[in-house]
Amino acid sequence: MQAIGRILIILVVAIAAGVGISLLVLPSTAAKSQGFDVTLAPQSVIARLSTSAPNTVVGAGVTQSGRATVSGNVVSTPIAFADGGTGKATYTVTPKNGGAHVDARIERDLGFNPITRFQGMNGAPVESAAAVFFPAVTNDLTHPRDGGRTIDGTSSHGLSYEVVNVAAQQFAFNEYCAPQQPS
């Protein structure tokens, strides 16, 4: 009977040690990266990436969950996945040939589950989100010069803009006239 007790104790200690080591060795995030070039100036790209409002849908299944932060030429924003996971999108913008080169990285927090962390070693937990995220970001940054490609079934061909001067008018703003609950 004592032998069975010792074996169980050794087994429990071995499992606990394995879980502890896996938390230290296995990655805590799964990530995918992709780079692309745009014709916009780097400052314009940084401005566009950093001014998206929270709860903006970046791509199917990926939503910007908070405000972006800018540090030099790096824009970082928290994101949420459709299945409830959280993560971060990081964009590094550098000048290139009169435009900009953007290195986009999408990361997903894996939590404490060793099995999920093991699956995250090759980026599998963000694979499907990355397949939608990178084309959506690329398309968003290249939309003004999209060459007629459609975005959500809408083409930019035939659009024209007119800049007009408007006389100054009084403006009254009542902070509490809009609904305070998100819709």
N, C-alpha and C. Protein backbone atom coordinates (compact mmCIF):
# COMPACT_ATOMS: atom_id res chain seq x y z
N MET A 1 0.81 -1.18 0.00
CA MET A 1 0.00 0.00 0.00
C MET A 1 0.86 1.26 0.00
N GLN A 2 1.98 1.20 0.73
CA GLN A 2 2.88 2.35 0.76
C GLN A 2 3.50 2.59 -0.61
N ALA A 3 3.74 1.53 -1.35
CA ALA A 3 4.33 1.66 -2.69
C ALA A 3 3.39 2.40 -3.62
N ILE A 4 2.11 2.12 -3.54
CA ILE A 4 1.12 2.80 -4.38
C ILE A 4 1.06 4.28 -4.01
N GLY A 5 1.11 4.58 -2.72
CA GLY A 5 1.11 5.97 -2.26
C GLY A 5 2.32 6.72 -2.76
N ARG A 6 3.49 6.10 -2.71
CA ARG A 6 4.71 6.74 -3.21
C ARG A 6 4.63 6.96 -4.72
N ILE A 7 4.12 5.98 -5.43
CA ILE A 7 3.99 6.12 -6.90
C ILE A 7 3.04 7.27 -7.23
N LEU A 8 1.94 7.38 -6.51
CA LEU A 8 1.00 8.49 -6.75
C LEU A 8 1.63 9.84 -6.45
N ILE A 9 2.39 9.91 -5.36
CA ILE A 9 3.06 11.17 -5.01
C ILE A 9 4.07 11.53 -6.09
N ILE A 10 4.86 10.56 -6.53
CA ILE A 10 5.84 10.82 -7.59
C ILE A 10 5.14 11.25 -8.87
N LEU A 11 4.02 10.61 -9.20
CA LEU A 11 3.26 10.96 -10.40
C LEU A 11 2.72 12.39 -10.32
N VAL A 12 2.17 12.77 -9.18
CA VAL A 12 1.64 14.12 -8.99
C VAL A 12 2.76 15.15 -9.08
N VAL A 13 3.89 14.88 -8.46
CA VAL A 13 5.03 15.80 -8.52
C VAL A 13 5.53 15.92 -9.96
N ALA A 14 5.61 14.82 -10.69
CA ALA A 14 6.08 14.85 -12.08
C ALA A 14 5.13 15.65 -12.96
N ILE A 15 3.82 15.48 -12.78
CA ILE A 15 2.84 16.24 -13.57
C ILE A 15 2.93 17.72 -13.23
N ALA A 16 3.02 18.06 -11.96
CA ALA A 16 3.14 19.47 -11.55
C ALA A 16 4.41 20.09 -12.11
N ALA A 17 5.51 19.34 -12.07
CA ALA A 17 6.77 19.86 -12.63
C ALA A 17 6.65 20.05 -14.13
N GLY A 18 5.99 19.12 -14.81
CA GLY A 18 5.80 19.23 -16.26
C GLY A 18 4.97 20.44 -16.64
N VAL A 19 3.89 20.67 -15.89
CA VAL A 19 3.05 21.84 -16.15
C VAL A 19 3.84 23.12 -15.87
N GLY A 20 4.58 23.16 -14.78
CA GLY A 20 5.39 24.34 -14.45
C GLY A 20 6.44 24.63 -15.50
N ILE A 21 7.13 23.59 -15.94
CA ILE A 21 8.15 23.78 -16.98
C ILE A 21 7.52 24.23 -18.28
N SER A 22 6.35 23.66 -18.62
CA SER A 22 5.70 24.05 -19.88
C SER A 22 5.29 25.52 -19.86
N LEU A 23 4.91 26.04 -18.69
CA LEU A 23 4.56 27.46 -18.60
C LEU A 23 5.77 28.35 -18.82
N LEU A 24 6.95 27.87 -18.45
CA LEU A 24 8.17 28.65 -18.64
C LEU A 24 8.73 28.51 -20.05
N VAL A 25 8.62 27.33 -20.64
CA VAL A 25 9.26 27.05 -21.92
C VAL A 25 8.38 27.39 -23.11
N LEU A 26 7.10 27.06 -23.04
CA LEU A 26 6.20 27.26 -24.18
C LEU A 26 5.81 28.74 -24.30
N PRO A 27 5.55 29.22 -25.51
CA PRO A 27 5.23 30.64 -25.70
C PRO A 27 3.89 31.02 -25.07
N SER A 28 3.79 32.26 -24.61
CA SER A 28 2.54 32.74 -24.01
C SER A 28 1.63 33.38 -25.05
N THR A 29 2.15 33.62 -26.26
CA THR A 29 1.34 34.18 -27.34
C THR A 29 1.60 33.42 -28.63
N ALA A 30 0.58 33.42 -29.48
CA ALA A 30 0.73 32.89 -30.84
C ALA A 30 0.72 34.10 -31.76
N ALA A 31 1.58 34.12 -32.76
CA ALA A 31 1.70 35.32 -33.59
C ALA A 31 1.95 34.96 -35.05
N LYS A 32 1.51 35.85 -35.92
CA LYS A 32 1.80 35.79 -37.35
C LYS A 32 2.18 37.21 -37.78
N SER A 33 3.10 37.30 -38.73
CA SER A 33 3.55 38.60 -39.23
C SER A 33 3.49 38.62 -40.74
N GLN A 34 3.32 39.82 -41.28
CA GLN A 34 3.34 40.00 -42.73
C GLN A 34 3.73 41.44 -43.02
N GLY A 35 4.51 41.64 -44.06
CA GLY A 35 4.90 42.98 -44.48
C GLY A 35 4.30 43.31 -45.83
N PHE A 36 4.03 44.60 -46.05
CA PHE A 36 3.51 45.04 -47.33
C PHE A 36 3.87 46.51 -47.54
N ASP A 37 3.86 46.92 -48.79
CA ASP A 37 4.19 48.30 -49.15
C ASP A 37 2.92 49.06 -49.51
N VAL A 38 2.90 50.34 -49.16
CA VAL A 38 1.79 51.22 -49.54
C VAL A 38 2.38 52.50 -50.12
N THR A 39 1.58 53.21 -50.91
CA THR A 39 2.06 54.43 -51.55
C THR A 39 1.90 55.66 -50.67
N LEU A 40 1.20 55.53 -49.57
CA LEU A 40 1.02 56.66 -48.66
C LEU A 40 2.32 56.97 -47.92
N ALA A 41 2.46 58.22 -47.50
CA ALA A 41 3.62 58.61 -46.70
C ALA A 41 3.55 57.92 -45.34
N PRO A 42 4.71 57.65 -44.73
CA PRO A 42 4.71 56.97 -43.42
C PRO A 42 3.85 57.69 -42.36
N GLN A 43 3.89 59.03 -42.36
CA GLN A 43 3.10 59.77 -41.38
C GLN A 43 1.60 59.53 -41.59
N SER A 44 1.18 59.45 -42.85
CA SER A 44 -0.23 59.20 -43.15
C SER A 44 -0.64 57.80 -42.71
N VAL A 45 0.25 56.84 -42.91
CA VAL A 45 -0.05 55.46 -42.50
C VAL A 45 -0.17 55.38 -40.98
N ILE A 46 0.77 56.00 -40.27
CA ILE A 46 0.71 56.01 -38.81
C ILE A 46 -0.56 56.70 -38.32
N ALA A 47 -0.91 57.82 -38.96
CA ALA A 47 -2.13 58.53 -38.58
C ALA A 47 -3.36 57.66 -38.81
N ARG A 48 -3.41 56.97 -39.93
CA ARG A 48 -4.57 56.11 -40.23
C ARG A 48 -4.67 54.95 -39.24
N LEU A 49 -3.56 54.31 -38.96
CA LEU A 49 -3.58 53.15 -38.06
C LEU A 49 -3.87 53.54 -36.61
N SER A 50 -3.45 54.73 -36.22
CA SER A 50 -3.60 55.13 -34.81
C SER A 50 -4.92 55.82 -34.50
N THR A 51 -5.73 56.12 -35.51
CA THR A 51 -6.97 56.85 -35.26
C THR A 51 -8.22 55.99 -35.36
N SER A 52 -8.08 54.70 -35.54
CA SER A 52 -9.26 53.84 -35.56
C SER A 52 -9.88 53.82 -34.16
N ALA A 53 -11.19 53.91 -34.12
CA ALA A 53 -11.90 53.93 -32.84
C ALA A 53 -11.99 52.53 -32.24
N PRO A 54 -12.08 52.45 -30.91
CA PRO A 54 -12.32 51.14 -30.30
C PRO A 54 -13.61 50.52 -30.84
N ASN A 55 -13.67 49.21 -30.86
CA ASN A 55 -14.79 48.42 -31.38
C ASN A 55 -14.91 48.50 -32.90
N THR A 56 -13.83 48.91 -33.56
CA THR A 56 -13.79 48.89 -35.02
C THR A 56 -13.47 47.48 -35.48
N VAL A 57 -14.28 46.96 -36.39
CA VAL A 57 -14.02 45.62 -36.93
C VAL A 57 -12.88 45.74 -37.94
N VAL A 58 -11.77 45.08 -37.65
CA VAL A 58 -10.62 45.11 -38.55
C VAL A 58 -10.81 44.12 -39.68
N GLY A 59 -11.30 42.97 -39.36
CA GLY A 59 -11.60 41.92 -40.33
C GLY A 59 -12.57 40.96 -39.67
N ALA A 60 -13.16 40.08 -40.43
CA ALA A 60 -14.13 39.14 -39.87
C ALA A 60 -13.49 38.37 -38.72
N GLY A 61 -14.03 38.54 -37.53
CA GLY A 61 -13.52 37.83 -36.37
C GLY A 61 -12.45 38.55 -35.59
N VAL A 62 -12.03 39.74 -36.03
CA VAL A 62 -11.00 40.52 -35.33
C VAL A 62 -11.52 41.94 -35.14
N THR A 63 -11.58 42.39 -33.89
CA THR A 63 -12.09 43.72 -33.56
C THR A 63 -11.07 44.46 -32.72
N GLN A 64 -10.86 45.74 -33.05
CA GLN A 64 -9.98 46.57 -32.23
C GLN A 64 -10.72 46.85 -30.93
N SER A 65 -10.16 46.44 -29.80
CA SER A 65 -10.88 46.53 -28.54
C SER A 65 -10.49 47.73 -27.69
N GLY A 66 -9.54 48.52 -28.11
CA GLY A 66 -9.13 49.68 -27.33
C GLY A 66 -8.44 50.70 -28.22
N ARG A 67 -7.95 51.75 -27.59
CA ARG A 67 -7.26 52.81 -28.34
C ARG A 67 -5.85 52.40 -28.70
N ALA A 68 -5.42 52.84 -29.85
CA ALA A 68 -4.05 52.55 -30.31
C ALA A 68 -3.06 53.45 -29.58
N THR A 69 -1.85 52.94 -29.40
CA THR A 69 -0.77 53.74 -28.85
C THR A 69 0.33 53.83 -29.90
N VAL A 70 1.00 54.97 -29.92
CA VAL A 70 2.06 55.20 -30.90
C VAL A 70 3.35 55.50 -30.15
N SER A 71 4.41 54.83 -30.56
CA SER A 71 5.74 55.07 -30.01
C SER A 71 6.71 55.11 -31.18
N GLY A 72 7.08 56.32 -31.58
CA GLY A 72 7.95 56.47 -32.75
C GLY A 72 7.21 56.05 -34.00
N ASN A 73 7.72 55.01 -34.66
CA ASN A 73 7.08 54.53 -35.88
C ASN A 73 6.32 53.22 -35.66
N VAL A 74 6.01 52.90 -34.41
CA VAL A 74 5.30 51.66 -34.07
C VAL A 74 3.93 52.00 -33.50
N VAL A 75 2.89 51.42 -34.11
CA VAL A 75 1.52 51.58 -33.64
C VAL A 75 1.08 50.24 -33.06
N SER A 76 0.56 50.26 -31.85
CA SER A 76 0.12 49.03 -31.19
C SER A 76 -1.31 49.23 -30.72
N THR A 77 -2.14 48.22 -30.92
CA THR A 77 -3.54 48.32 -30.53
C THR A 77 -4.04 46.98 -29.98
N PRO A 78 -4.84 47.02 -28.92
CA PRO A 78 -5.41 45.76 -28.41
C PRO A 78 -6.51 45.28 -29.35
N ILE A 79 -6.62 43.97 -29.50
CA ILE A 79 -7.65 43.40 -30.36
C ILE A 79 -8.37 42.28 -29.62
N ALA A 80 -9.58 41.99 -30.08
CA ALA A 80 -10.37 40.89 -29.55
C ALA A 80 -10.76 39.98 -30.70
N PHE A 81 -10.78 38.69 -30.43
CA PHE A 81 -11.15 37.71 -31.44
C PHE A 81 -12.61 37.30 -31.23
N ALA A 82 -13.23 36.79 -32.28
CA ALA A 82 -14.65 36.44 -32.22
C ALA A 82 -14.95 35.39 -31.16
N ASP A 83 -14.01 34.52 -30.86
CA ASP A 83 -14.25 33.47 -29.87
C ASP A 83 -13.95 33.92 -28.44
N GLY A 84 -13.70 35.20 -28.24
CA GLY A 84 -13.47 35.74 -26.91
C GLY A 84 -12.01 35.92 -26.54
N GLY A 85 -11.09 35.47 -27.37
CA GLY A 85 -9.67 35.63 -27.10
C GLY A 85 -9.24 37.08 -27.24
N THR A 86 -8.12 37.41 -26.62
CA THR A 86 -7.58 38.77 -26.71
C THR A 86 -6.17 38.72 -27.27
N GLY A 87 -5.71 39.86 -27.72
CA GLY A 87 -4.37 39.92 -28.26
C GLY A 87 -3.97 41.34 -28.58
N LYS A 88 -3.03 41.47 -29.50
CA LYS A 88 -2.47 42.77 -29.84
C LYS A 88 -2.09 42.78 -31.31
N ALA A 89 -2.33 43.90 -31.96
CA ALA A 89 -1.85 44.11 -33.32
C ALA A 89 -0.77 45.18 -33.26
N THR A 90 0.36 44.91 -33.89
CA THR A 90 1.47 45.85 -33.89
C THR A 90 1.86 46.14 -35.33
N TYR A 91 1.99 47.42 -35.65
CA TYR A 91 2.37 47.85 -36.99
C TYR A 91 3.66 48.67 -36.88
N THR A 92 4.68 48.27 -37.61
CA THR A 92 5.92 49.03 -37.67
C THR A 92 6.00 49.65 -39.06
N VAL A 93 6.05 50.98 -39.11
CA VAL A 93 5.99 51.70 -40.38
C VAL A 93 7.36 52.32 -40.66
N THR A 94 7.90 52.04 -41.85
CA THR A 94 9.19 52.60 -42.26
C THR A 94 9.06 53.20 -43.66
N PRO A 95 9.81 54.27 -43.96
CA PRO A 95 9.77 54.85 -45.30
C PRO A 95 10.35 53.88 -46.33
N LYS A 96 9.77 53.88 -47.54
CA LYS A 96 10.29 53.05 -48.61
C LYS A 96 9.84 53.60 -49.96
N ASN A 97 10.78 53.99 -50.79
CA ASN A 97 10.53 54.42 -52.17
C ASN A 97 9.41 55.46 -52.28
N GLY A 98 9.43 56.48 -51.48
CA GLY A 98 8.42 57.52 -51.56
C GLY A 98 7.11 57.15 -50.89
N GLY A 99 6.98 55.95 -50.40
CA GLY A 99 5.79 55.48 -49.70
C GLY A 99 6.19 54.95 -48.34
N ALA A 100 5.58 53.87 -47.96
CA ALA A 100 5.88 53.28 -46.65
C ALA A 100 5.83 51.76 -46.74
N HIS A 101 6.62 51.13 -45.89
CA HIS A 101 6.57 49.68 -45.72
C HIS A 101 5.99 49.42 -44.34
N VAL A 102 4.99 48.56 -44.27
CA VAL A 102 4.32 48.25 -43.01
C VAL A 102 4.57 46.79 -42.67
N ASP A 103 5.14 46.55 -41.49
CA ASP A 103 5.26 45.20 -40.96
C ASP A 103 4.17 45.04 -39.92
N ALA A 104 3.16 44.24 -40.26
CA ALA A 104 2.02 44.02 -39.36
C ALA A 104 2.21 42.70 -38.63
N ARG A 105 1.87 42.70 -37.35
CA ARG A 105 1.99 41.49 -36.53
C ARG A 105 0.71 41.36 -35.70
N ILE A 106 0.12 40.19 -35.75
CA ILE A 106 -1.07 39.92 -34.95
C ILE A 106 -0.69 38.86 -33.91
N GLU A 107 -1.01 39.14 -32.65
CA GLU A 107 -0.68 38.23 -31.55
C GLU A 107 -1.94 37.88 -30.78
N ARG A 108 -1.96 36.66 -30.26
CA ARG A 108 -3.08 36.20 -29.44
C ARG A 108 -2.53 35.65 -28.14
N ASP A 109 -3.08 36.11 -27.02
CA ASP A 109 -2.69 35.59 -25.71
C ASP A 109 -3.21 34.16 -25.58
N LEU A 110 -2.35 33.25 -25.10
CA LEU A 110 -2.72 31.84 -25.02
C LEU A 110 -3.15 31.39 -23.63
N GLY A 111 -2.98 32.23 -22.64
CA GLY A 111 -3.40 31.85 -21.29
C GLY A 111 -2.44 30.85 -20.66
N PHE A 112 -2.95 30.07 -19.70
CA PHE A 112 -2.10 29.17 -18.93
C PHE A 112 -2.23 27.71 -19.33
N ASN A 113 -3.10 27.38 -20.27
CA ASN A 113 -3.29 26.00 -20.67
C ASN A 113 -2.08 25.51 -21.47
N PRO A 114 -1.34 24.50 -20.97
CA PRO A 114 -0.15 24.02 -21.68
C PRO A 114 -0.45 23.46 -23.07
N ILE A 115 -1.63 22.87 -23.25
CA ILE A 115 -1.98 22.32 -24.56
C ILE A 115 -2.16 23.45 -25.57
N THR A 116 -2.85 24.52 -25.16
CA THR A 116 -3.02 25.67 -26.05
C THR A 116 -1.68 26.32 -26.36
N ARG A 117 -0.81 26.40 -25.37
CA ARG A 117 0.53 26.97 -25.60
C ARG A 117 1.34 26.11 -26.56
N PHE A 118 1.21 24.80 -26.45
CA PHE A 118 1.92 23.91 -27.38
C PHE A 118 1.41 24.12 -28.80
N GLN A 119 0.10 24.25 -28.97
CA GLN A 119 -0.48 24.50 -30.29
C GLN A 119 -0.05 25.86 -30.83
N GLY A 120 0.23 26.80 -29.94
CA GLY A 120 0.61 28.15 -30.35
C GLY A 120 2.04 28.29 -30.82
N MET A 121 2.83 27.23 -30.72
CA MET A 121 4.24 27.32 -31.12
C MET A 121 4.39 27.65 -32.60
N ASN A 122 3.46 27.21 -33.45
CA ASN A 122 3.56 27.49 -34.88
C ASN A 122 2.56 28.55 -35.32
N GLY A 123 1.87 29.20 -34.39
CA GLY A 123 0.93 30.26 -34.73
C GLY A 123 -0.45 29.79 -35.10
N ALA A 124 -0.75 28.51 -34.90
CA ALA A 124 -2.05 27.95 -35.31
C ALA A 124 -3.26 28.69 -34.73
N PRO A 125 -3.25 29.14 -33.47
CA PRO A 125 -4.44 29.82 -32.94
C PRO A 125 -4.79 31.14 -33.63
N VAL A 126 -3.86 31.74 -34.37
CA VAL A 126 -4.17 32.99 -35.08
C VAL A 126 -4.23 32.80 -36.59
N GLU A 127 -4.09 31.58 -37.06
CA GLU A 127 -4.02 31.32 -38.50
C GLU A 127 -5.26 31.83 -39.24
N SER A 128 -6.45 31.47 -38.77
CA SER A 128 -7.66 31.88 -39.48
C SER A 128 -7.90 33.38 -39.37
N ALA A 129 -7.60 33.97 -38.21
CA ALA A 129 -7.76 35.42 -38.06
C ALA A 129 -6.76 36.17 -38.93
N ALA A 130 -5.53 35.66 -39.03
CA ALA A 130 -4.51 36.32 -39.85
C ALA A 130 -4.88 36.28 -41.32
N ALA A 131 -5.56 35.22 -41.75
CA ALA A 131 -5.96 35.10 -43.15
C ALA A 131 -6.94 36.20 -43.55
N VAL A 132 -7.66 36.75 -42.59
CA VAL A 132 -8.60 37.84 -42.85
C VAL A 132 -7.99 39.19 -42.47
N PHE A 133 -7.22 39.20 -41.39
CA PHE A 133 -6.66 40.44 -40.83
C PHE A 133 -5.71 41.14 -41.80
N PHE A 134 -4.71 40.41 -42.32
CA PHE A 134 -3.70 41.04 -43.17
C PHE A 134 -4.29 41.62 -44.46
N PRO A 135 -5.14 40.90 -45.19
CA PRO A 135 -5.74 41.52 -46.38
C PRO A 135 -6.62 42.72 -46.04
N ALA A 136 -7.33 42.68 -44.90
CA ALA A 136 -8.18 43.80 -44.52
C ALA A 136 -7.36 45.04 -44.23
N VAL A 137 -6.25 44.89 -43.51
CA VAL A 137 -5.38 46.03 -43.19
C VAL A 137 -4.74 46.57 -44.46
N THR A 138 -4.24 45.68 -45.30
CA THR A 138 -3.63 46.10 -46.56
C THR A 138 -4.63 46.86 -47.41
N ASN A 139 -5.84 46.34 -47.52
CA ASN A 139 -6.88 46.98 -48.32
C ASN A 139 -7.28 48.33 -47.74
N ASP A 140 -7.34 48.43 -46.43
CA ASP A 140 -7.70 49.68 -45.78
C ASP A 140 -6.67 50.77 -46.08
N LEU A 141 -5.39 50.40 -46.05
CA LEU A 141 -4.34 51.40 -46.29
C LEU A 141 -4.18 51.74 -47.76
N THR A 142 -4.60 50.88 -48.64
CA THR A 142 -4.44 51.14 -50.07
C THR A 142 -5.75 51.59 -50.72
N HIS A 143 -6.83 51.69 -49.97
CA HIS A 143 -8.14 52.04 -50.52
C HIS A 143 -8.17 53.32 -51.34
N PRO A 144 -7.55 54.40 -50.90
CA PRO A 144 -7.64 55.62 -51.71
C PRO A 144 -7.09 55.43 -53.12
N ARG A 145 -6.19 54.52 -53.30
CA ARG A 145 -5.61 54.26 -54.62
C ARG A 145 -5.80 52.78 -54.96
N ASP A 146 -7.04 52.31 -54.83
CA ASP A 146 -7.26 50.88 -54.97
C ASP A 146 -7.40 50.40 -56.40
N GLY A 147 -7.29 51.27 -57.37
CA GLY A 147 -7.33 50.85 -58.77
C GLY A 147 -8.64 50.18 -59.16
N GLY A 148 -9.72 50.51 -58.47
CA GLY A 148 -11.01 49.95 -58.85
C GLY A 148 -11.36 48.64 -58.19
N ARG A 149 -10.47 48.12 -57.34
CA ARG A 149 -10.83 46.89 -56.64
C ARG A 149 -12.02 47.15 -55.74
N THR A 150 -12.83 46.18 -55.55
CA THR A 150 -14.01 46.39 -54.72
C THR A 150 -13.70 46.09 -53.26
N ILE A 151 -14.32 46.86 -52.42
CA ILE A 151 -14.23 46.65 -50.98
C ILE A 151 -15.64 46.38 -50.51
N ASP A 152 -15.89 45.21 -50.01
CA ASP A 152 -17.23 44.79 -49.59
C ASP A 152 -18.26 45.03 -50.69
N GLY A 153 -17.89 44.76 -51.94
CA GLY A 153 -18.81 44.87 -53.06
C GLY A 153 -19.01 46.28 -53.58
N THR A 154 -18.27 47.25 -53.08
CA THR A 154 -18.41 48.63 -53.52
C THR A 154 -17.15 49.08 -54.22
N SER A 155 -17.28 49.63 -55.42
CA SER A 155 -16.13 50.06 -56.19
C SER A 155 -15.90 51.56 -55.98
N SER A 156 -14.67 52.00 -56.17
CA SER A 156 -14.38 53.42 -56.05
C SER A 156 -14.40 54.12 -57.41
N HIS A 157 -14.65 53.38 -58.49
CA HIS A 157 -14.74 54.00 -59.81
C HIS A 157 -15.94 54.93 -59.87
N GLY A 158 -15.76 56.08 -60.47
CA GLY A 158 -16.84 57.02 -60.65
C GLY A 158 -17.09 57.93 -59.47
N LEU A 159 -16.38 57.75 -58.38
CA LEU A 159 -16.56 58.63 -57.24
C LEU A 159 -15.84 59.94 -57.49
N SER A 160 -16.46 61.03 -57.10
CA SER A 160 -15.80 62.33 -57.20
C SER A 160 -16.11 63.11 -55.94
N TYR A 161 -15.21 64.00 -55.61
CA TYR A 161 -15.35 64.78 -54.39
C TYR A 161 -15.28 66.25 -54.75
N GLU A 162 -16.05 67.05 -54.03
CA GLU A 162 -16.06 68.47 -54.27
C GLU A 162 -15.78 69.17 -52.95
N VAL A 163 -14.83 70.07 -52.97
CA VAL A 163 -14.49 70.83 -51.77
C VAL A 163 -15.20 72.17 -51.87
N VAL A 164 -16.00 72.49 -50.87
CA VAL A 164 -16.75 73.74 -50.89
C VAL A 164 -16.50 74.49 -49.59
N ASN A 165 -16.59 75.81 -49.67
CA ASN A 165 -16.49 76.64 -48.47
C ASN A 165 -17.88 76.78 -47.87
N VAL A 166 -17.96 76.67 -46.58
CA VAL A 166 -19.23 76.80 -45.87
C VAL A 166 -19.10 77.96 -44.91
N ALA A 167 -20.11 78.81 -44.90
CA ALA A 167 -20.09 79.96 -43.99
C ALA A 167 -20.14 79.48 -42.55
N ALA A 168 -19.46 80.21 -41.69
CA ALA A 168 -19.44 79.85 -40.28
C ALA A 168 -20.84 79.95 -39.69
N GLN A 169 -21.20 78.99 -38.87
CA GLN A 169 -22.51 78.97 -38.23
C GLN A 169 -22.33 78.66 -36.76
N GLN A 170 -23.31 79.11 -35.97
CA GLN A 170 -23.26 78.78 -34.55
C GLN A 170 -23.50 77.29 -34.38
N PHE A 171 -22.87 76.74 -33.37
CA PHE A 171 -23.01 75.31 -33.12
C PHE A 171 -23.23 75.10 -31.63
N ALA A 172 -24.28 74.40 -31.31
CA ALA A 172 -24.57 74.09 -29.91
C ALA A 172 -24.36 72.59 -29.71
N PHE A 173 -23.60 72.25 -28.70
CA PHE A 173 -23.33 70.84 -28.42
C PHE A 173 -23.84 70.51 -27.03
N ASN A 174 -24.72 69.55 -26.97
CA ASN A 174 -25.23 69.08 -25.69
C ASN A 174 -24.66 67.69 -25.47
N GLU A 175 -23.77 67.58 -24.51
CA GLU A 175 -23.05 66.33 -24.27
C GLU A 175 -23.97 65.17 -23.95
N TYR A 176 -25.10 65.43 -23.34
CA TYR A 176 -25.96 64.36 -22.86
C TYR A 176 -27.16 64.09 -23.78
N CYS A 177 -27.15 64.61 -24.99
CA CYS A 177 -28.30 64.39 -25.86
C CYS A 177 -28.19 63.07 -26.63
N ALA A 178 -27.02 62.49 -26.69
CA ALA A 178 -26.85 61.23 -27.40
C ALA A 178 -26.99 60.07 -26.42
N PRO A 179 -27.43 58.92 -26.91
CA PRO A 179 -27.52 57.75 -26.02
C PRO A 179 -26.14 57.40 -25.46
N GLN A 180 -26.10 57.06 -24.20
CA GLN A 180 -24.84 56.75 -23.54
C GLN A 180 -24.49 55.27 -23.61
N GLN A 181 -25.42 54.43 -24.02
CA GLN A 181 -25.18 53.00 -24.12
C GLN A 181 -24.67 52.67 -25.52
N PRO A 182 -23.67 51.78 -25.63
CA PRO A 182 -23.22 51.40 -26.98
C PRO A 182 -24.32 50.65 -27.71
N SER A 183 -24.39 50.89 -29.00
CA SER A 183 -25.45 50.23 -29.78
C SER A 183 -24.95 49.01 -30.47
